[in-house]
């Protein structure tokens, strides 16, 4: 049980880091306004990470 929780946390951190990097590069390429920076760099990766982790948890249960 504890190992599976650590596995899920590790996967979610790795997934968030990859998505954060992708959306940061997307922010630089698209040159969007500054007020959208936090939304694109943090909120989008967090939402997609939650969706992916919920899908993984649903499949393992």
PDB file of N, CA and C in Angstrom:
ATOM      1  N   UNK A   1       0.836  -1.202   0.000  1.00  0.00           N
ATOM      2  CA  UNK A   1       0.000   0.000   0.000  1.00  0.00           C
ATOM      3  C   UNK A   1       0.872   1.253   0.000  1.00  0.00           C
ATOM      4  N   UNK A   2       1.824   1.301   0.941  1.00  0.00           N
ATOM      5  CA  UNK A   2       2.690   2.476   1.039  1.00  0.00           C
ATOM      6  C   UNK A   2       3.557   2.618  -0.207  1.00  0.00           C
ATOM      7  N   UNK A   3       4.016   1.484  -0.737  1.00  0.00           N
ATOM      8  CA  UNK A   3       4.838   1.524  -1.951  1.00  0.00           C
ATOM      9  C   UNK A   3       4.034   2.031  -3.143  1.00  0.00           C
ATOM     10  N   UNK A   4       2.768   1.655  -3.221  1.00  0.00           N
ATOM     11  CA  UNK A   4       1.954   2.132  -4.342  1.00  0.00           C
ATOM     12  C   UNK A   4       1.679   3.630  -4.229  1.00  0.00           C
ATOM     13  N   UNK A   5       1.525   4.127  -3.005  1.00  0.00           N
ATOM     14  CA  UNK A   5       1.336   5.572  -2.815  1.00  0.00           C
ATOM     15  C   UNK A   5       2.594   6.318  -3.239  1.00  0.00           C
ATOM     16  N   UNK A   6       3.762   5.802  -2.851  1.00  0.00           N
ATOM     17  CA  UNK A   6       5.019   6.432  -3.267  1.00  0.00           C
ATOM     18  C   UNK A   6       5.189   6.372  -4.781  1.00  0.00           C
ATOM     19  N   UNK A   7       4.780   5.262  -5.389  1.00  0.00           N
ATOM     20  CA  UNK A   7       4.877   5.129  -6.838  1.00  0.00           C
ATOM     21  C   UNK A   7       3.994   6.164  -7.525  1.00  0.00           C
ATOM     22  N   UNK A   8       2.771   6.332  -7.042  1.00  0.00           N
ATOM     23  CA  UNK A   8       1.847   7.306  -7.630  1.00  0.00           C
ATOM     24  C   UNK A   8       2.370   8.726  -7.444  1.00  0.00           C
ATOM     25  N   UNK A   9       2.913   9.034  -6.274  1.00  0.00           N
ATOM     26  CA  UNK A   9       3.478  10.367  -6.047  1.00  0.00           C
ATOM     27  C   UNK A   9       4.682  10.618  -6.947  1.00  0.00           C
ATOM     28  N   UNK A  10       5.523   9.616  -7.110  1.00  0.00           N
ATOM     29  CA  UNK A  10       6.685   9.764  -7.983  1.00  0.00           C
ATOM     30  C   UNK A  10       6.289   9.993  -9.428  1.00  0.00           C
ATOM     31  N   UNK A  11       5.329   9.223  -9.901  1.00  0.00           N
ATOM     32  CA  UNK A  11       4.848   9.388 -11.279  1.00  0.00           C
ATOM     33  C   UNK A  11       4.210  10.762 -11.462  1.00  0.00           C
ATOM     34  N   UNK A  12       3.431  11.212 -10.472  1.00  0.00           N
ATOM     35  CA  UNK A  12       2.766  12.512 -10.609  1.00  0.00           C
ATOM     36  C   UNK A  12       3.777  13.652 -10.612  1.00  0.00           C
ATOM     37  N   UNK A  13       4.819  13.564  -9.785  1.00  0.00           N
ATOM     38  CA  UNK A  13       5.852  14.606  -9.788  1.00  0.00           C
ATOM     39  C   UNK A  13       6.591  14.637 -11.122  1.00  0.00           C
ATOM     40  N   UNK A  14       6.929  13.475 -11.645  1.00  0.00           N
ATOM     41  CA  UNK A  14       7.615  13.400 -12.929  1.00  0.00           C
ATOM     42  C   UNK A  14       6.714  13.932 -14.044  1.00  0.00           C
ATOM     43  N   UNK A  15       5.453  13.567 -14.007  1.00  0.00           N
ATOM     44  CA  UNK A  15       4.497  14.019 -15.013  1.00  0.00           C
ATOM     45  C   UNK A  15       4.331  15.538 -14.950  1.00  0.00           C
ATOM     46  N   UNK A  16       4.219  16.090 -13.732  1.00  0.00           N
ATOM     47  CA  UNK A  16       4.077  17.538 -13.593  1.00  0.00           C
ATOM     48  C   UNK A  16       5.315  18.250 -14.122  1.00  0.00           C
ATOM     49  N   UNK A  17       6.505  17.723 -13.819  1.00  0.00           N
ATOM     50  CA  UNK A  17       7.742  18.350 -14.284  1.00  0.00           C
ATOM     51  C   UNK A  17       7.810  18.364 -15.809  1.00  0.00           C
ATOM     52  N   UNK A  18       7.451  17.245 -16.441  1.00  0.00           N
ATOM     53  CA  UNK A  18       7.473  17.176 -17.907  1.00  0.00           C
ATOM     54  C   UNK A  18       6.459  18.149 -18.504  1.00  0.00           C
ATOM     55  N   UNK A  19       5.250  18.171 -17.954  1.00  0.00           N
ATOM     56  CA  UNK A  19       4.226  19.090 -18.466  1.00  0.00           C
ATOM     57  C   UNK A  19       4.586  20.545 -18.197  1.00  0.00           C
ATOM     58  N   UNK A  20       5.205  20.828 -17.030  1.00  0.00           N
ATOM     59  CA  UNK A  20       5.637  22.193 -16.719  1.00  0.00           C
ATOM     60  C   UNK A  20       6.667  22.657 -17.745  1.00  0.00           C
ATOM     61  N   UNK A  21       7.616  21.786 -18.078  1.00  0.00           N
ATOM     62  CA  UNK A  21       8.626  22.127 -19.076  1.00  0.00           C
ATOM     63  C   UNK A  21       7.982  22.366 -20.437  1.00  0.00           C
ATOM     64  N   UNK A  22       7.061  21.492 -20.822  1.00  0.00           N
ATOM     65  CA  UNK A  22       6.389  21.640 -22.115  1.00  0.00           C
ATOM     66  C   UNK A  22       5.612  22.952 -22.186  1.00  0.00           C
ATOM     67  N   UNK A  23       4.824  23.253 -21.157  1.00  0.00           N
ATOM     68  CA  UNK A  23       4.025  24.474 -21.197  1.00  0.00           C
ATOM     69  C   UNK A  23       4.885  25.726 -21.044  1.00  0.00           C
ATOM     70  N   UNK A  24       6.035  25.622 -20.372  1.00  0.00           N
ATOM     71  CA  UNK A  24       6.951  26.760 -20.309  1.00  0.00           C
ATOM     72  C   UNK A  24       7.520  27.056 -21.691  1.00  0.00           C
ATOM     73  N   UNK A  25       7.892  26.003 -22.414  1.00  0.00           N
ATOM     74  CA  UNK A  25       8.374  26.206 -23.782  1.00  0.00           C
ATOM     75  C   UNK A  25       7.264  26.749 -24.675  1.00  0.00           C
ATOM     76  N   UNK A  26       6.062  26.257 -24.485  1.00  0.00           N
ATOM     77  CA  UNK A  26       4.922  26.748 -25.258  1.00  0.00           C
ATOM     78  C   UNK A  26       4.662  28.225 -24.962  1.00  0.00           C
ATOM     79  N   UNK A  27       4.817  28.625 -23.705  1.00  0.00           N
ATOM     80  CA  UNK A  27       4.639  30.029 -23.321  1.00  0.00           C
ATOM     81  C   UNK A  27       5.653  30.913 -24.033  1.00  0.00           C
ATOM     82  N   UNK A  28       6.900  30.452 -24.113  1.00  0.00           N
ATOM     83  CA  UNK A  28       7.947  31.232 -24.768  1.00  0.00           C
ATOM     84  C   UNK A  28       7.687  31.325 -26.271  1.00  0.00           C
ATOM     85  N   UNK A  29       7.266  30.229 -26.876  1.00  0.00           N
ATOM     86  CA  UNK A  29       7.052  30.209 -28.325  1.00  0.00           C
ATOM     87  C   UNK A  29       5.852  31.065 -28.718  1.00  0.00           C
ATOM     88  N   UNK A  30       4.759  30.972 -27.954  1.00  0.00           N
ATOM     89  CA  UNK A  30       3.538  31.688 -28.330  1.00  0.00           C
ATOM     90  C   UNK A  30       3.569  33.169 -27.986  1.00  0.00           C
ATOM     91  N   UNK A  31       4.443  33.570 -27.054  1.00  0.00           N
ATOM     92  CA  UNK A  31       4.552  34.964 -26.620  1.00  0.00           C
ATOM     93  C   UNK A  31       3.193  35.519 -26.187  1.00  0.00           C
ATOM     94  N   UNK A  32       2.564  34.839 -25.254  1.00  0.00           N
ATOM     95  CA  UNK A  32       1.275  35.280 -24.726  1.00  0.00           C
ATOM     96  C   UNK A  32       1.484  36.398 -23.716  1.00  0.00           C
ATOM     97  N   UNK A  33       0.428  37.128 -23.362  1.00  0.00           N
ATOM     98  CA  UNK A  33       0.559  38.209 -22.381  1.00  0.00           C
ATOM     99  C   UNK A  33       1.036  37.699 -21.019  1.00  0.00           C
ATOM    100  N   UNK A  34       1.644  38.601 -20.252  1.00  0.00           N
ATOM    101  CA  UNK A  34       2.240  38.223 -18.965  1.00  0.00           C
ATOM    102  C   UNK A  34       1.219  37.722 -17.956  1.00  0.00           C
ATOM    103  N   UNK A  35      -0.004  38.235 -17.991  1.00  0.00           N
ATOM    104  CA  UNK A  35      -0.983  37.812 -16.983  1.00  0.00           C
ATOM    105  C   UNK A  35      -1.418  36.360 -17.178  1.00  0.00           C
ATOM    106  N   UNK A  36      -1.156  35.791 -18.337  1.00  0.00           N
ATOM    107  CA  UNK A  36      -1.476  34.378 -18.571  1.00  0.00           C
ATOM    108  C   UNK A  36      -0.313  33.442 -18.245  1.00  0.00           C
ATOM    109  N   UNK A  37       0.824  34.019 -17.837  1.00  0.00           N
ATOM    110  CA  UNK A  37       2.011  33.193 -17.591  1.00  0.00           C
ATOM    111  C   UNK A  37       1.766  32.135 -16.525  1.00  0.00           C
ATOM    112  N   UNK A  38       1.215  32.533 -15.376  1.00  0.00           N
ATOM    113  CA  UNK A  38       0.997  31.573 -14.292  1.00  0.00           C
ATOM    114  C   UNK A  38      -0.043  30.521 -14.671  1.00  0.00           C
ATOM    115  N   UNK A  39      -1.042  30.929 -15.435  1.00  0.00           N
ATOM    116  CA  UNK A  39      -2.067  29.971 -15.862  1.00  0.00           C
ATOM    117  C   UNK A  39      -1.444  28.912 -16.760  1.00  0.00           C
ATOM    118  N   UNK A  40      -0.651  29.344 -17.720  1.00  0.00           N
ATOM    119  CA  UNK A  40      -0.067  28.404 -18.672  1.00  0.00           C
ATOM    120  C   UNK A  40       1.022  27.566 -18.028  1.00  0.00           C
ATOM    121  N   UNK A  41       1.838  28.165 -17.171  1.00  0.00           N
ATOM    122  CA  UNK A  41       2.981  27.435 -16.611  1.00  0.00           C
ATOM    123  C   UNK A  41       2.629  26.550 -15.428  1.00  0.00           C
ATOM    124  N   UNK A  42       1.590  26.870 -14.668  1.00  0.00           N
ATOM    125  CA  UNK A  42       1.301  26.103 -13.451  1.00  0.00           C
ATOM    126  C   UNK A  42      -0.066  25.427 -13.499  1.00  0.00           C
ATOM    127  N   UNK A  43      -1.106  26.147 -13.872  1.00  0.00           N
ATOM    128  CA  UNK A  43      -2.460  25.601 -13.797  1.00  0.00           C
ATOM    129  C   UNK A  43      -2.673  24.485 -14.819  1.00  0.00           C
ATOM    130  N   UNK A  44      -2.272  24.705 -16.067  1.00  0.00           N
ATOM    131  CA  UNK A  44      -2.451  23.663 -17.078  1.00  0.00           C
ATOM    132  C   UNK A  44      -1.709  22.375 -16.729  1.00  0.00           C
ATOM    133  N   UNK A  45      -0.406  22.437 -16.363  1.00  0.00           N
ATOM    134  CA  UNK A  45       0.257  21.181 -15.972  1.00  0.00           C
ATOM    135  C   UNK A  45      -0.390  20.513 -14.765  1.00  0.00           C
ATOM    136  N   UNK A  46      -0.864  21.303 -13.807  1.00  0.00           N
ATOM    137  CA  UNK A  46      -1.505  20.715 -12.623  1.00  0.00           C
ATOM    138  C   UNK A  46      -2.797  19.995 -13.006  1.00  0.00           C
ATOM    139  N   UNK A  47      -3.585  20.596 -13.873  1.00  0.00           N
ATOM    140  CA  UNK A  47      -4.845  19.972 -14.299  1.00  0.00           C
ATOM    141  C   UNK A  47      -4.572  18.680 -15.062  1.00  0.00           C
ATOM    142  N   UNK A  48      -3.631  18.730 -16.008  1.00  0.00           N
ATOM    143  CA  UNK A  48      -3.331  17.527 -16.784  1.00  0.00           C
ATOM    144  C   UNK A  48      -2.709  16.439 -15.919  1.00  0.00           C
ATOM    145  N   UNK A  49      -1.875  16.825 -14.944  1.00  0.00           N
ATOM    146  CA  UNK A  49      -1.293  15.840 -14.031  1.00  0.00           C
ATOM    147  C   UNK A  49      -2.383  15.170 -13.213  1.00  0.00           C
ATOM    148  N   UNK A  50      -3.335  15.933 -12.714  1.00  0.00           N
ATOM    149  CA  UNK A  50      -4.444  15.349 -11.947  1.00  0.00           C
ATOM    150  C   UNK A  50      -5.261  14.397 -12.811  1.00  0.00           C
ATOM    151  N   UNK A  51      -5.515  14.777 -14.054  1.00  0.00           N
ATOM    152  CA  UNK A  51      -6.282  13.902 -14.935  1.00  0.00           C
ATOM    153  C   UNK A  51      -5.545  12.595 -15.198  1.00  0.00           C
ATOM    154  N   UNK A  52      -4.249  12.678 -15.444  1.00  0.00           N
ATOM    155  CA  UNK A  52      -3.460  11.473 -15.704  1.00  0.00           C
ATOM    156  C   UNK A  52      -3.398  10.594 -14.462  1.00  0.00           C
ATOM    157  N   UNK A  53      -3.193  11.196 -13.286  1.00  0.00           N
ATOM    158  CA  UNK A  53      -3.081  10.408 -12.061  1.00  0.00           C
ATOM    159  C   UNK A  53      -4.421   9.776 -11.695  1.00  0.00           C
ATOM    160  N   UNK A  54      -5.513  10.466 -11.907  1.00  0.00           N
ATOM    161  CA  UNK A  54      -6.820   9.858 -11.651  1.00  0.00           C
ATOM    162  C   UNK A  54      -7.062   8.669 -12.574  1.00  0.00           C
ATOM    163  N   UNK A  55      -6.609   8.783 -13.806  1.00  0.00           N
ATOM    164  CA  UNK A  55      -6.739   7.676 -14.744  1.00  0.00           C
ATOM    165  C   UNK A  55      -5.905   6.480 -14.291  1.00  0.00           C
ATOM    166  N   UNK A  56      -4.683   6.725 -13.825  1.00  0.00           N
ATOM    167  CA  UNK A  56      -3.822   5.636 -13.348  1.00  0.00           C
ATOM    168  C   UNK A  56      -4.414   4.990 -12.106  1.00  0.00           C
ATOM    169  N   UNK A  57      -4.893   5.801 -11.162  1.00  0.00           N
ATOM    170  CA  UNK A  57      -5.475   5.258  -9.932  1.00  0.00           C
ATOM    171  C   UNK A  57      -6.722   4.444 -10.252  1.00  0.00           C
ATOM    172  N   UNK A  58      -7.530   4.941 -11.180  1.00  0.00           N
ATOM    173  CA  UNK A  58      -8.750   4.222 -11.560  1.00  0.00           C
ATOM    174  C   UNK A  58      -8.421   2.857 -12.164  1.00  0.00           C
ATOM    175  N   UNK A  59      -7.365   2.797 -12.956  1.00  0.00           N
ATOM    176  CA  UNK A  59      -6.998   1.524 -13.583  1.00  0.00           C
ATOM    177  C   UNK A  59      -6.392   0.547 -12.588  1.00  0.00           C
ATOM    178  N   UNK A  60      -5.712   1.056 -11.554  1.00  0.00           N
ATOM    179  CA  UNK A  60      -5.076   0.152 -10.592  1.00  0.00           C
ATOM    180  C   UNK A  60      -6.051  -0.361  -9.545  1.00  0.00           C
ATOM    181  N   UNK A  61      -7.160   0.332  -9.353  1.00  0.00           N
ATOM    182  CA  UNK A  61      -8.120  -0.121  -8.332  1.00  0.00           C
ATOM    183  C   UNK A  61      -9.054  -1.181  -8.868  1.00  0.00           C
TER     184      UNK A  61
END
